[in-house]
Amino acid sequence: MSKPLRLVLVDDHEMVLHGLDAMLLHFPDRVEIAGSATTAPAALGLVAAERPDIVLADVRIGRESGLDLTRQITTEHPETKVVMLTVYDDEHYLFQALRVGASGYVLKRIDAAELVAQLERVAEGETVIDPALAGRVALSAARLLAGEFWPGAHLGLTQRESEVLELLVSGHSNKGVAAKLVVSEDTVKTHIRGLYRKLGVSDRSAAIAVALREGLFR
């Protein structure tokens, strides 16, 4: 029987780490927790000491970037793979993660058995993408290849962020946007934070002003 995969868990929320630990304890013959960290520097030290097979890290670790951490790990410890485990249901973050060397991008709503199965695929050399994102990524790629661009694509907005911005311009509240797109308000807030960052603004009025100035929606 093959040895269990040795994992290091990285998240700035202790509750998340405890939850993951409890979930993965049900698969002792397949995964083993080598350690956990709540900051990027602690994670780097742990990886250097433990040399795990896989690091599970969030896109954001407090005020630190899980993407920067991924780049450091894959550069300094190429034998260790990194899988992003995050709430950010965002193609932009996915593409960034893959660019810095991540071997997977899965959302935190994944169940324990599926997570372990995905980690085993990563260990075998595959790159895994959460099914909720994979379909949208494929559709985005197809549209780009066909020369079809959504409003704001040239500003770095994902198609979903563009849809959210259009609804904001139309006067919808976060709750209204969520109802229109059939997503949670938390998901809407995540998209809004993403489009604020990409547009270089800090509030709704400024985002709408940029959209109107750029003539994104007619």
N, C-alpha and C. Protein backbone atom coordinates (compact mmCIF):
# COMPACT_ATOMS: atom_id res chain seq x y z
N MET A 1 0.84 -1.19 0.00
CA MET A 1 0.00 0.00 0.00
C MET A 1 0.88 1.25 0.00
N SER A 2 0.53 2.26 -0.81
CA SER A 2 1.32 3.47 -0.89
C SER A 2 1.17 4.28 0.39
N LYS A 3 2.18 5.11 0.66
CA LYS A 3 2.15 5.93 1.87
C LYS A 3 1.11 7.03 1.72
N PRO A 4 0.53 7.47 2.84
CA PRO A 4 -0.42 8.59 2.76
C PRO A 4 0.29 9.86 2.30
N LEU A 5 -0.44 10.73 1.63
CA LEU A 5 0.10 12.02 1.21
C LEU A 5 0.30 12.89 2.45
N ARG A 6 1.46 13.52 2.54
CA ARG A 6 1.74 14.40 3.67
C ARG A 6 1.35 15.82 3.29
N LEU A 7 0.51 16.43 4.14
CA LEU A 7 -0.05 17.74 3.82
C LEU A 7 0.36 18.79 4.86
N VAL A 8 0.51 20.01 4.37
CA VAL A 8 0.60 21.17 5.25
C VAL A 8 -0.59 22.06 4.92
N LEU A 9 -1.32 22.49 5.95
CA LEU A 9 -2.51 23.31 5.78
C LEU A 9 -2.19 24.75 6.15
N VAL A 10 -2.62 25.69 5.29
CA VAL A 10 -2.33 27.11 5.54
C VAL A 10 -3.62 27.92 5.40
N ASP A 11 -4.01 28.56 6.49
CA ASP A 11 -5.19 29.42 6.47
C ASP A 11 -5.09 30.34 7.68
N ASP A 12 -5.55 31.57 7.54
CA ASP A 12 -5.44 32.51 8.66
C ASP A 12 -6.55 32.32 9.69
N HIS A 13 -7.48 31.42 9.44
CA HIS A 13 -8.55 31.15 10.39
C HIS A 13 -8.33 29.80 11.07
N GLU A 14 -8.11 29.84 12.38
CA GLU A 14 -7.88 28.60 13.13
C GLU A 14 -9.06 27.64 12.98
N MET A 15 -10.27 28.18 12.92
CA MET A 15 -11.45 27.33 12.81
C MET A 15 -11.42 26.51 11.52
N VAL A 16 -10.96 27.13 10.43
CA VAL A 16 -10.85 26.42 9.16
C VAL A 16 -9.83 25.30 9.27
N LEU A 17 -8.70 25.60 9.90
CA LEU A 17 -7.66 24.57 10.06
C LEU A 17 -8.17 23.40 10.90
N HIS A 18 -8.87 23.70 11.99
CA HIS A 18 -9.41 22.62 12.82
C HIS A 18 -10.44 21.81 12.05
N GLY A 19 -11.27 22.51 11.25
CA GLY A 19 -12.27 21.81 10.46
C GLY A 19 -11.65 20.89 9.43
N LEU A 20 -10.62 21.37 8.75
CA LEU A 20 -9.92 20.54 7.76
C LEU A 20 -9.28 19.32 8.43
N ASP A 21 -8.64 19.59 9.56
CA ASP A 21 -8.00 18.51 10.31
C ASP A 21 -9.01 17.42 10.65
N ALA A 22 -10.17 17.85 11.16
CA ALA A 22 -11.21 16.89 11.54
C ALA A 22 -11.75 16.12 10.34
N MET A 23 -11.92 16.82 9.21
CA MET A 23 -12.41 16.18 7.99
C MET A 23 -11.44 15.12 7.49
N LEU A 24 -10.16 15.49 7.47
CA LEU A 24 -9.17 14.62 6.85
C LEU A 24 -8.75 13.46 7.74
N LEU A 25 -9.06 13.56 9.04
CA LEU A 25 -8.75 12.46 9.96
C LEU A 25 -9.50 11.18 9.58
N HIS A 26 -10.56 11.31 8.80
CA HIS A 26 -11.33 10.14 8.38
C HIS A 26 -10.63 9.34 7.28
N PHE A 27 -9.49 9.86 6.79
CA PHE A 27 -8.77 9.19 5.69
C PHE A 27 -7.31 8.97 6.07
N PRO A 28 -7.04 8.31 7.20
CA PRO A 28 -5.66 8.17 7.69
C PRO A 28 -4.74 7.37 6.78
N ASP A 29 -5.33 6.49 5.97
CA ASP A 29 -4.51 5.69 5.06
C ASP A 29 -4.19 6.42 3.75
N ARG A 30 -4.81 7.61 3.57
CA ARG A 30 -4.62 8.33 2.30
C ARG A 30 -3.96 9.69 2.48
N VAL A 31 -4.21 10.35 3.61
CA VAL A 31 -3.57 11.65 3.87
C VAL A 31 -3.12 11.74 5.32
N GLU A 32 -2.06 12.51 5.53
CA GLU A 32 -1.51 12.73 6.87
C GLU A 32 -1.19 14.22 7.00
N ILE A 33 -1.63 14.85 8.08
CA ILE A 33 -1.37 16.27 8.31
C ILE A 33 0.02 16.41 8.93
N ALA A 34 0.95 17.01 8.19
CA ALA A 34 2.30 17.21 8.69
C ALA A 34 2.40 18.46 9.54
N GLY A 35 1.42 19.37 9.39
CA GLY A 35 1.43 20.60 10.18
C GLY A 35 0.50 21.63 9.58
N SER A 36 0.28 22.71 10.32
CA SER A 36 -0.57 23.79 9.82
C SER A 36 0.02 25.13 10.23
N ALA A 37 -0.34 26.18 9.47
CA ALA A 37 0.20 27.51 9.73
C ALA A 37 -0.87 28.54 9.43
N THR A 38 -0.79 29.67 10.14
CA THR A 38 -1.76 30.75 9.93
C THR A 38 -1.14 31.97 9.26
N THR A 39 0.17 31.93 8.98
CA THR A 39 0.84 33.03 8.28
C THR A 39 1.74 32.46 7.20
N ALA A 40 2.06 33.29 6.21
CA ALA A 40 2.94 32.84 5.13
C ALA A 40 4.35 32.50 5.63
N PRO A 41 4.98 33.34 6.47
CA PRO A 41 6.32 32.99 6.95
C PRO A 41 6.34 31.67 7.72
N ALA A 42 5.32 31.44 8.55
CA ALA A 42 5.24 30.18 9.29
C ALA A 42 5.08 29.01 8.34
N ALA A 43 4.29 29.22 7.28
CA ALA A 43 4.08 28.17 6.29
C ALA A 43 5.39 27.82 5.58
N LEU A 44 6.16 28.83 5.21
CA LEU A 44 7.44 28.59 4.52
C LEU A 44 8.38 27.79 5.42
N GLY A 45 8.42 28.16 6.69
CA GLY A 45 9.28 27.43 7.62
C GLY A 45 8.84 25.99 7.78
N LEU A 46 7.55 25.78 7.83
CA LEU A 46 7.00 24.43 7.98
C LEU A 46 7.29 23.57 6.75
N VAL A 47 7.14 24.17 5.58
CA VAL A 47 7.41 23.43 4.34
C VAL A 47 8.89 23.04 4.28
N ALA A 48 9.77 23.96 4.66
CA ALA A 48 11.21 23.66 4.65
C ALA A 48 11.56 22.54 5.62
N ALA A 49 10.88 22.53 6.76
CA ALA A 49 11.18 21.52 7.78
C ALA A 49 10.55 20.16 7.48
N GLU A 50 9.33 20.18 6.96
CA GLU A 50 8.57 18.93 6.80
C GLU A 50 8.61 18.35 5.39
N ARG A 51 8.90 19.17 4.41
CA ARG A 51 8.92 18.73 3.00
C ARG A 51 7.67 17.92 2.65
N PRO A 52 6.50 18.53 2.78
CA PRO A 52 5.26 17.80 2.50
C PRO A 52 5.09 17.53 1.01
N ASP A 53 4.16 16.63 0.70
CA ASP A 53 3.84 16.37 -0.71
C ASP A 53 3.02 17.52 -1.28
N ILE A 54 2.07 18.01 -0.48
CA ILE A 54 1.14 19.04 -0.96
C ILE A 54 0.89 20.06 0.14
N VAL A 55 0.81 21.33 -0.24
CA VAL A 55 0.38 22.40 0.65
C VAL A 55 -1.00 22.85 0.21
N LEU A 56 -1.93 22.92 1.16
CA LEU A 56 -3.26 23.46 0.91
C LEU A 56 -3.27 24.88 1.46
N ALA A 57 -3.47 25.88 0.61
CA ALA A 57 -3.40 27.27 1.06
C ALA A 57 -4.52 28.10 0.47
N ASP A 58 -4.96 29.11 1.21
CA ASP A 58 -5.98 30.02 0.70
C ASP A 58 -5.33 31.08 -0.19
N VAL A 59 -6.14 31.72 -1.03
CA VAL A 59 -5.67 32.80 -1.89
C VAL A 59 -5.22 33.99 -1.04
N ARG A 60 -5.96 34.26 0.02
CA ARG A 60 -5.61 35.32 0.96
C ARG A 60 -5.31 34.69 2.31
N ILE A 61 -4.23 35.13 2.96
CA ILE A 61 -3.87 34.65 4.29
C ILE A 61 -3.74 35.89 5.17
N GLY A 62 -4.88 36.32 5.72
CA GLY A 62 -4.88 37.60 6.42
C GLY A 62 -4.58 38.70 5.42
N ARG A 63 -3.56 39.50 5.72
CA ARG A 63 -3.16 40.56 4.81
C ARG A 63 -2.10 40.09 3.81
N GLU A 64 -1.73 38.82 3.90
CA GLU A 64 -0.70 38.27 3.02
C GLU A 64 -1.34 37.58 1.82
N SER A 65 -0.54 37.39 0.79
CA SER A 65 -1.03 36.77 -0.43
C SER A 65 -0.66 35.29 -0.49
N GLY A 66 -1.68 34.47 -0.61
CA GLY A 66 -1.42 33.05 -0.80
C GLY A 66 -0.80 32.77 -2.16
N LEU A 67 -1.02 33.68 -3.12
CA LEU A 67 -0.41 33.52 -4.44
C LEU A 67 1.10 33.74 -4.37
N ASP A 68 1.52 34.75 -3.60
CA ASP A 68 2.95 34.97 -3.41
C ASP A 68 3.58 33.79 -2.68
N LEU A 69 2.86 33.27 -1.69
CA LEU A 69 3.35 32.09 -0.97
C LEU A 69 3.50 30.92 -1.92
N THR A 70 2.54 30.73 -2.80
CA THR A 70 2.61 29.64 -3.77
C THR A 70 3.83 29.77 -4.65
N ARG A 71 4.10 30.99 -5.13
CA ARG A 71 5.27 31.22 -5.97
C ARG A 71 6.55 30.86 -5.23
N GLN A 72 6.63 31.25 -3.96
CA GLN A 72 7.84 30.95 -3.18
C GLN A 72 8.01 29.46 -2.97
N ILE A 73 6.92 28.79 -2.63
CA ILE A 73 7.02 27.35 -2.38
C ILE A 73 7.42 26.60 -3.63
N THR A 74 6.76 26.90 -4.75
CA THR A 74 7.05 26.16 -5.98
C THR A 74 8.44 26.49 -6.52
N THR A 75 8.97 27.66 -6.17
CA THR A 75 10.33 28.02 -6.59
C THR A 75 11.38 27.38 -5.70
N GLU A 76 11.17 27.48 -4.37
CA GLU A 76 12.16 26.98 -3.42
C GLU A 76 12.05 25.49 -3.15
N HIS A 77 10.85 24.94 -3.33
CA HIS A 77 10.63 23.51 -3.05
C HIS A 77 9.81 22.90 -4.19
N PRO A 78 10.40 22.78 -5.36
CA PRO A 78 9.65 22.31 -6.53
C PRO A 78 9.04 20.92 -6.37
N GLU A 79 9.54 20.15 -5.40
CA GLU A 79 8.98 18.81 -5.18
C GLU A 79 7.65 18.87 -4.43
N THR A 80 7.35 20.02 -3.85
CA THR A 80 6.09 20.19 -3.11
C THR A 80 5.06 20.88 -4.00
N LYS A 81 3.89 20.32 -4.10
CA LYS A 81 2.83 20.91 -4.91
C LYS A 81 1.92 21.77 -4.03
N VAL A 82 1.30 22.76 -4.63
CA VAL A 82 0.41 23.65 -3.89
C VAL A 82 -0.98 23.60 -4.52
N VAL A 83 -1.98 23.44 -3.69
CA VAL A 83 -3.37 23.49 -4.13
C VAL A 83 -4.05 24.62 -3.37
N MET A 84 -4.71 25.52 -4.11
CA MET A 84 -5.45 26.60 -3.48
C MET A 84 -6.80 26.07 -3.01
N LEU A 85 -7.12 26.29 -1.73
CA LEU A 85 -8.41 25.91 -1.17
C LEU A 85 -9.04 27.21 -0.66
N THR A 86 -10.05 27.70 -1.35
CA THR A 86 -10.49 29.07 -1.14
C THR A 86 -11.99 29.26 -1.31
N VAL A 87 -12.48 30.41 -0.87
CA VAL A 87 -13.88 30.78 -1.12
C VAL A 87 -14.00 31.62 -2.38
N TYR A 88 -12.86 32.02 -2.97
CA TYR A 88 -12.89 32.94 -4.11
C TYR A 88 -13.26 32.21 -5.40
N ASP A 89 -14.53 32.30 -5.74
CA ASP A 89 -15.08 31.67 -6.94
C ASP A 89 -14.85 32.64 -8.11
N ASP A 90 -13.59 32.75 -8.55
CA ASP A 90 -13.19 33.84 -9.43
C ASP A 90 -12.14 33.35 -10.43
N GLU A 91 -12.46 33.43 -11.72
CA GLU A 91 -11.51 32.99 -12.74
C GLU A 91 -10.20 33.74 -12.69
N HIS A 92 -10.27 35.03 -12.32
CA HIS A 92 -9.05 35.85 -12.26
C HIS A 92 -8.05 35.25 -11.28
N TYR A 93 -8.53 34.91 -10.08
CA TYR A 93 -7.64 34.29 -9.10
C TYR A 93 -7.16 32.93 -9.57
N LEU A 94 -8.03 32.18 -10.22
CA LEU A 94 -7.63 30.87 -10.75
C LEU A 94 -6.48 31.02 -11.73
N PHE A 95 -6.61 31.94 -12.69
CA PHE A 95 -5.55 32.12 -13.68
C PHE A 95 -4.25 32.56 -13.01
N GLN A 96 -4.37 33.45 -12.03
CA GLN A 96 -3.18 33.91 -11.31
C GLN A 96 -2.52 32.74 -10.58
N ALA A 97 -3.33 31.91 -9.94
CA ALA A 97 -2.80 30.76 -9.20
C ALA A 97 -2.04 29.81 -10.12
N LEU A 98 -2.60 29.53 -11.27
CA LEU A 98 -1.93 28.64 -12.21
C LEU A 98 -0.63 29.25 -12.73
N ARG A 99 -0.64 30.57 -12.91
CA ARG A 99 0.57 31.25 -13.40
C ARG A 99 1.72 31.17 -12.39
N VAL A 100 1.40 31.17 -11.09
CA VAL A 100 2.48 31.13 -10.10
C VAL A 100 2.83 29.71 -9.68
N GLY A 101 2.24 28.73 -10.35
CA GLY A 101 2.67 27.35 -10.13
C GLY A 101 1.75 26.45 -9.35
N ALA A 102 0.55 26.91 -9.01
CA ALA A 102 -0.38 26.05 -8.28
C ALA A 102 -0.77 24.84 -9.12
N SER A 103 -0.97 23.72 -8.46
CA SER A 103 -1.37 22.50 -9.15
C SER A 103 -2.87 22.23 -9.05
N GLY A 104 -3.57 23.11 -8.35
CA GLY A 104 -5.01 22.93 -8.21
C GLY A 104 -5.67 24.16 -7.62
N TYR A 105 -6.97 24.28 -7.88
CA TYR A 105 -7.77 25.40 -7.35
C TYR A 105 -9.14 24.84 -7.05
N VAL A 106 -9.43 24.67 -5.75
CA VAL A 106 -10.72 24.10 -5.35
C VAL A 106 -11.40 25.02 -4.34
N LEU A 107 -12.71 24.99 -4.31
CA LEU A 107 -13.48 25.86 -3.43
C LEU A 107 -13.76 25.16 -2.11
N LYS A 108 -13.90 25.95 -1.05
CA LYS A 108 -14.01 25.40 0.30
C LYS A 108 -15.30 24.62 0.53
N ARG A 109 -16.24 24.73 -0.38
CA ARG A 109 -17.48 23.95 -0.20
C ARG A 109 -17.30 22.49 -0.59
N ILE A 110 -16.13 22.10 -1.08
CA ILE A 110 -15.85 20.71 -1.47
C ILE A 110 -15.97 19.79 -0.25
N ASP A 111 -16.46 18.57 -0.46
CA ASP A 111 -16.54 17.65 0.68
C ASP A 111 -15.22 16.91 0.85
N ALA A 112 -15.05 16.28 1.99
CA ALA A 112 -13.77 15.69 2.36
C ALA A 112 -13.33 14.60 1.39
N ALA A 113 -14.24 13.71 1.01
CA ALA A 113 -13.87 12.60 0.12
C ALA A 113 -13.41 13.12 -1.24
N GLU A 114 -14.11 14.13 -1.76
CA GLU A 114 -13.73 14.68 -3.05
C GLU A 114 -12.41 15.42 -2.95
N LEU A 115 -12.18 16.12 -1.83
CA LEU A 115 -10.91 16.82 -1.64
C LEU A 115 -9.75 15.84 -1.66
N VAL A 116 -9.89 14.75 -0.93
CA VAL A 116 -8.82 13.74 -0.91
C VAL A 116 -8.59 13.17 -2.30
N ALA A 117 -9.67 12.91 -3.03
CA ALA A 117 -9.54 12.38 -4.39
C ALA A 117 -8.81 13.38 -5.29
N GLN A 118 -9.12 14.67 -5.14
CA GLN A 118 -8.46 15.70 -5.95
C GLN A 118 -6.98 15.79 -5.60
N LEU A 119 -6.65 15.68 -4.32
CA LEU A 119 -5.25 15.74 -3.89
C LEU A 119 -4.46 14.55 -4.45
N GLU A 120 -5.10 13.40 -4.51
CA GLU A 120 -4.42 12.23 -5.08
C GLU A 120 -4.18 12.42 -6.57
N ARG A 121 -5.10 13.08 -7.25
CA ARG A 121 -4.88 13.39 -8.67
C ARG A 121 -3.71 14.34 -8.84
N VAL A 122 -3.62 15.31 -7.96
CA VAL A 122 -2.49 16.25 -8.00
C VAL A 122 -1.18 15.51 -7.79
N ALA A 123 -1.16 14.62 -6.83
CA ALA A 123 0.05 13.85 -6.54
C ALA A 123 0.49 13.01 -7.74
N GLU A 124 -0.49 12.63 -8.56
CA GLU A 124 -0.18 11.84 -9.76
C GLU A 124 0.23 12.71 -10.94
N GLY A 125 0.27 14.03 -10.74
CA GLY A 125 0.74 14.92 -11.78
C GLY A 125 -0.32 15.72 -12.50
N GLU A 126 -1.58 15.57 -12.09
CA GLU A 126 -2.66 16.33 -12.74
C GLU A 126 -2.81 17.72 -12.14
N THR A 127 -3.42 18.61 -12.89
CA THR A 127 -3.84 19.91 -12.38
C THR A 127 -5.35 19.86 -12.22
N VAL A 128 -5.84 20.19 -11.03
CA VAL A 128 -7.28 20.06 -10.78
C VAL A 128 -7.91 21.44 -10.61
N ILE A 129 -9.11 21.58 -11.14
CA ILE A 129 -9.87 22.83 -11.05
C ILE A 129 -11.27 22.46 -10.58
N ASP A 130 -11.77 23.22 -9.61
CA ASP A 130 -13.10 22.95 -9.09
C ASP A 130 -14.12 22.95 -10.22
N PRO A 131 -15.01 21.95 -10.27
CA PRO A 131 -16.00 21.87 -11.35
C PRO A 131 -16.83 23.14 -11.50
N ALA A 132 -17.08 23.85 -10.39
CA ALA A 132 -17.88 25.07 -10.46
C ALA A 132 -17.19 26.15 -11.30
N LEU A 133 -15.87 26.10 -11.35
CA LEU A 133 -15.11 27.07 -12.13
C LEU A 133 -14.74 26.55 -13.51
N ALA A 134 -14.54 25.25 -13.62
CA ALA A 134 -14.04 24.68 -14.87
C ALA A 134 -14.93 25.00 -16.05
N GLY A 135 -16.25 24.90 -15.86
CA GLY A 135 -17.17 25.19 -16.96
C GLY A 135 -17.08 26.64 -17.40
N ARG A 136 -17.01 27.57 -16.44
CA ARG A 136 -16.93 28.98 -16.78
C ARG A 136 -15.62 29.32 -17.47
N VAL A 137 -14.54 28.68 -17.01
CA VAL A 137 -13.24 28.93 -17.63
C VAL A 137 -13.24 28.47 -19.07
N ALA A 138 -13.81 27.29 -19.32
CA ALA A 138 -13.88 26.77 -20.69
C ALA A 138 -14.71 27.69 -21.57
N LEU A 139 -15.84 28.17 -21.04
CA LEU A 139 -16.69 29.08 -21.80
C LEU A 139 -15.98 30.39 -22.09
N SER A 140 -15.27 30.92 -21.09
CA SER A 140 -14.52 32.16 -21.28
C SER A 140 -13.47 31.99 -22.35
N ALA A 141 -12.74 30.87 -22.30
CA ALA A 141 -11.69 30.61 -23.30
C ALA A 141 -12.29 30.51 -24.69
N ALA A 142 -13.43 29.84 -24.80
CA ALA A 142 -14.06 29.69 -26.11
C ALA A 142 -14.49 31.04 -26.67
N ARG A 143 -15.03 31.88 -25.80
CA ARG A 143 -15.46 33.20 -26.26
C ARG A 143 -14.27 34.06 -26.67
N LEU A 144 -13.20 33.97 -25.91
CA LEU A 144 -12.01 34.75 -26.26
C LEU A 144 -11.44 34.30 -27.60
N LEU A 145 -11.41 32.98 -27.80
CA LEU A 145 -10.90 32.45 -29.07
C LEU A 145 -11.78 32.89 -30.24
N ALA A 146 -13.07 33.04 -29.97
CA ALA A 146 -14.01 33.45 -31.01
C ALA A 146 -14.02 34.97 -31.20
N GLY A 147 -13.21 35.66 -30.41
CA GLY A 147 -13.16 37.11 -30.52
C GLY A 147 -14.31 37.81 -29.83
N GLU A 148 -15.00 37.11 -28.93
CA GLU A 148 -16.12 37.71 -28.22
C GLU A 148 -15.65 38.17 -26.83
N PHE A 149 -15.76 39.45 -26.57
CA PHE A 149 -15.32 39.98 -25.29
C PHE A 149 -16.50 40.64 -24.58
N TRP A 150 -16.52 40.51 -23.26
CA TRP A 150 -17.58 41.12 -22.49
C TRP A 150 -17.15 42.53 -22.07
N PRO A 151 -18.09 43.40 -21.76
CA PRO A 151 -17.75 44.76 -21.35
C PRO A 151 -16.82 44.75 -20.13
N GLY A 152 -15.72 45.47 -20.23
CA GLY A 152 -14.77 45.54 -19.12
C GLY A 152 -13.67 44.51 -19.18
N ALA A 153 -13.70 43.61 -20.19
CA ALA A 153 -12.64 42.60 -20.30
C ALA A 153 -11.28 43.26 -20.44
N HIS A 154 -11.23 44.39 -21.17
CA HIS A 154 -9.95 45.07 -21.38
C HIS A 154 -9.43 45.72 -20.10
N LEU A 155 -10.31 45.83 -19.09
CA LEU A 155 -9.90 46.37 -17.78
C LEU A 155 -9.55 45.25 -16.80
N GLY A 156 -9.63 44.02 -17.26
CA GLY A 156 -9.29 42.88 -16.42
C GLY A 156 -10.46 42.24 -15.71
N LEU A 157 -11.69 42.72 -16.00
CA LEU A 157 -12.86 42.15 -15.34
C LEU A 157 -13.18 40.77 -15.91
N THR A 158 -13.55 39.85 -15.03
CA THR A 158 -14.07 38.57 -15.50
C THR A 158 -15.48 38.80 -16.02
N GLN A 159 -16.01 37.83 -16.72
CA GLN A 159 -17.36 37.97 -17.24
C GLN A 159 -18.37 38.15 -16.11
N ARG A 160 -18.20 37.41 -15.03
CA ARG A 160 -19.12 37.53 -13.90
C ARG A 160 -19.01 38.91 -13.25
N GLU A 161 -17.80 39.43 -13.10
CA GLU A 161 -17.63 40.78 -12.54
C GLU A 161 -18.30 41.82 -13.43
N SER A 162 -18.21 41.61 -14.74
CA SER A 162 -18.86 42.52 -15.68
C SER A 162 -20.38 42.48 -15.48
N GLU A 163 -20.92 41.29 -15.30
CA GLU A 163 -22.36 41.15 -15.09
C GLU A 163 -22.78 41.85 -13.79
N VAL A 164 -21.98 41.70 -12.75
CA VAL A 164 -22.28 42.35 -11.47
C VAL A 164 -22.23 43.86 -11.63
N LEU A 165 -21.20 44.37 -12.31
CA LEU A 165 -21.07 45.81 -12.49
C LEU A 165 -22.24 46.38 -13.28
N GLU A 166 -22.68 45.65 -14.30
CA GLU A 166 -23.82 46.12 -15.09
C GLU A 166 -25.07 46.25 -14.22
N LEU A 167 -25.26 45.31 -13.31
CA LEU A 167 -26.42 45.37 -12.43
C LEU A 167 -26.28 46.50 -11.40
N LEU A 168 -25.06 46.78 -10.97
CA LEU A 168 -24.84 47.92 -10.07
C LEU A 168 -25.17 49.22 -10.79
N VAL A 169 -24.73 49.33 -12.05
CA VAL A 169 -25.01 50.52 -12.84
C VAL A 169 -26.52 50.70 -13.01
N SER A 170 -27.24 49.57 -13.08
CA SER A 170 -28.70 49.62 -13.24
C SER A 170 -29.43 49.93 -11.94
N GLY A 171 -28.67 50.07 -10.85
CA GLY A 171 -29.26 50.47 -9.58
C GLY A 171 -29.63 49.34 -8.65
N HIS A 172 -29.18 48.12 -8.93
CA HIS A 172 -29.52 46.99 -8.07
C HIS A 172 -28.68 47.00 -6.79
N SER A 173 -29.30 46.59 -5.70
CA SER A 173 -28.58 46.40 -4.44
C SER A 173 -27.83 45.07 -4.51
N ASN A 174 -26.98 44.80 -3.50
CA ASN A 174 -26.30 43.51 -3.45
C ASN A 174 -27.31 42.36 -3.45
N LYS A 175 -28.40 42.55 -2.70
CA LYS A 175 -29.44 41.51 -2.64
C LYS A 175 -30.09 41.33 -4.01
N GLY A 176 -30.30 42.44 -4.71
CA GLY A 176 -30.89 42.37 -6.04
C GLY A 176 -29.98 41.69 -7.04
N VAL A 177 -28.69 41.99 -6.95
CA VAL A 177 -27.71 41.35 -7.84
C VAL A 177 -27.69 39.85 -7.58
N ALA A 178 -27.69 39.48 -6.31
CA ALA A 178 -27.68 38.06 -5.94
C ALA A 178 -28.89 37.33 -6.51
N ALA A 179 -30.05 37.98 -6.43
CA ALA A 179 -31.27 37.36 -6.94
C ALA A 179 -31.21 37.21 -8.46
N LYS A 180 -30.71 38.22 -9.14
CA LYS A 180 -30.61 38.18 -10.60
C LYS A 180 -29.66 37.08 -11.08
N LEU A 181 -28.55 36.93 -10.39
CA LEU A 181 -27.52 35.98 -10.83
C LEU A 181 -27.66 34.62 -10.16
N VAL A 182 -28.62 34.51 -9.25
CA VAL A 182 -28.87 33.26 -8.51
C VAL A 182 -27.60 32.80 -7.78
N VAL A 183 -27.03 33.72 -7.02
CA VAL A 183 -25.87 33.42 -6.18
C VAL A 183 -26.13 34.03 -4.80
N SER A 184 -25.24 33.76 -3.85
CA SER A 184 -25.40 34.32 -2.51
C SER A 184 -24.91 35.77 -2.48
N GLU A 185 -25.37 36.50 -1.47
CA GLU A 185 -24.90 37.88 -1.30
C GLU A 185 -23.40 37.89 -1.01
N ASP A 186 -22.89 36.89 -0.29
CA ASP A 186 -21.45 36.82 -0.02
C ASP A 186 -20.66 36.69 -1.32
N THR A 187 -21.19 35.90 -2.25
CA THR A 187 -20.52 35.75 -3.55
C THR A 187 -20.53 37.08 -4.29
N VAL A 188 -21.65 37.79 -4.24
CA VAL A 188 -21.73 39.10 -4.88
C VAL A 188 -20.71 40.05 -4.28
N LYS A 189 -20.60 40.05 -2.95
CA LYS A 189 -19.62 40.93 -2.28
C LYS A 189 -18.20 40.60 -2.71
N THR A 190 -17.92 39.32 -2.90
CA THR A 190 -16.59 38.91 -3.35
C THR A 190 -16.31 39.46 -4.75
N HIS A 191 -17.30 39.35 -5.64
CA HIS A 191 -17.13 39.87 -7.00
C HIS A 191 -16.97 41.39 -6.98
N ILE A 192 -17.72 42.05 -6.12
CA ILE A 192 -17.63 43.51 -6.03
C ILE A 192 -16.24 43.93 -5.56
N ARG A 193 -15.72 43.23 -4.55
CA ARG A 193 -14.36 43.54 -4.10
C ARG A 193 -13.35 43.36 -5.23
N GLY A 194 -13.55 42.29 -6.02
CA GLY A 194 -12.64 42.04 -7.15
C GLY A 194 -12.70 43.14 -8.19
N LEU A 195 -13.90 43.57 -8.55
CA LEU A 195 -14.00 44.60 -9.59
C LEU A 195 -13.54 45.96 -9.05
N TYR A 196 -13.75 46.24 -7.76
CA TYR A 196 -13.20 47.46 -7.17
C TYR A 196 -11.68 47.49 -7.33
N ARG A 197 -11.06 46.36 -6.98
CA ARG A 197 -9.60 46.27 -7.06
C ARG A 197 -9.10 46.50 -8.48
N LYS A 198 -9.77 45.89 -9.44
CA LYS A 198 -9.32 45.99 -10.83
C LYS A 198 -9.58 47.36 -11.44
N LEU A 199 -10.65 48.02 -10.97
CA LEU A 199 -10.97 49.35 -11.49
C LEU A 199 -10.23 50.45 -10.72
N GLY A 200 -9.57 50.07 -9.62
CA GLY A 200 -8.83 51.05 -8.83
C GLY A 200 -9.73 51.99 -8.06
N VAL A 201 -10.87 51.47 -7.59
CA VAL A 201 -11.83 52.30 -6.84
C VAL A 201 -12.10 51.65 -5.49
N SER A 202 -12.79 52.40 -4.62
CA SER A 202 -13.05 51.87 -3.28
C SER A 202 -14.52 51.85 -2.91
N ASP A 203 -15.38 52.32 -3.82
CA ASP A 203 -16.81 52.28 -3.49
C ASP A 203 -17.65 52.14 -4.75
N ARG A 204 -18.93 51.90 -4.54
CA ARG A 204 -19.88 51.63 -5.62
C ARG A 204 -20.01 52.81 -6.58
N SER A 205 -20.11 54.02 -6.02
CA SER A 205 -20.29 55.20 -6.88
C SER A 205 -19.12 55.37 -7.84
N ALA A 206 -17.91 55.16 -7.32
CA ALA A 206 -16.72 55.30 -8.17
C ALA A 206 -16.68 54.23 -9.25
N ALA A 207 -17.10 53.01 -8.90
CA ALA A 207 -17.12 51.92 -9.88
C ALA A 207 -18.12 52.24 -11.00
N ILE A 208 -19.29 52.75 -10.61
CA ILE A 208 -20.30 53.12 -11.60
C ILE A 208 -19.79 54.25 -12.49
N ALA A 209 -19.08 55.20 -11.87
CA ALA A 209 -18.53 56.32 -12.64
C ALA A 209 -17.54 55.82 -13.70
N VAL A 210 -16.69 54.87 -13.32
CA VAL A 210 -15.72 54.31 -14.28
C VAL A 210 -16.48 53.61 -15.41
N ALA A 211 -17.50 52.84 -15.07
CA ALA A 211 -18.28 52.12 -16.08
C ALA A 211 -18.92 53.09 -17.07
N LEU A 212 -19.45 54.18 -16.54
CA LEU A 212 -20.10 55.16 -17.42
C LEU A 212 -19.07 55.92 -18.26
N ARG A 213 -17.96 56.26 -17.64
CA ARG A 213 -16.91 56.98 -18.37
C ARG A 213 -16.33 56.13 -19.51
N GLU A 214 -16.19 54.83 -19.25
CA GLU A 214 -15.63 53.92 -20.25
C GLU A 214 -16.69 53.49 -21.27
N GLY A 215 -17.94 53.83 -21.03
CA GLY A 215 -19.01 53.44 -21.95
C GLY A 215 -19.20 51.94 -22.02
N LEU A 216 -19.05 51.27 -20.86
CA LEU A 216 -19.11 49.81 -20.85
C LEU A 216 -20.50 49.26 -21.16
N PHE A 217 -21.52 49.97 -20.71
CA PHE A 217 -22.89 49.46 -20.88
C PHE A 217 -23.75 50.53 -21.56
N ARG A 218 -24.47 50.11 -22.56
CA ARG A 218 -25.27 51.06 -23.34
C ARG A 218 -26.75 50.67 -23.29
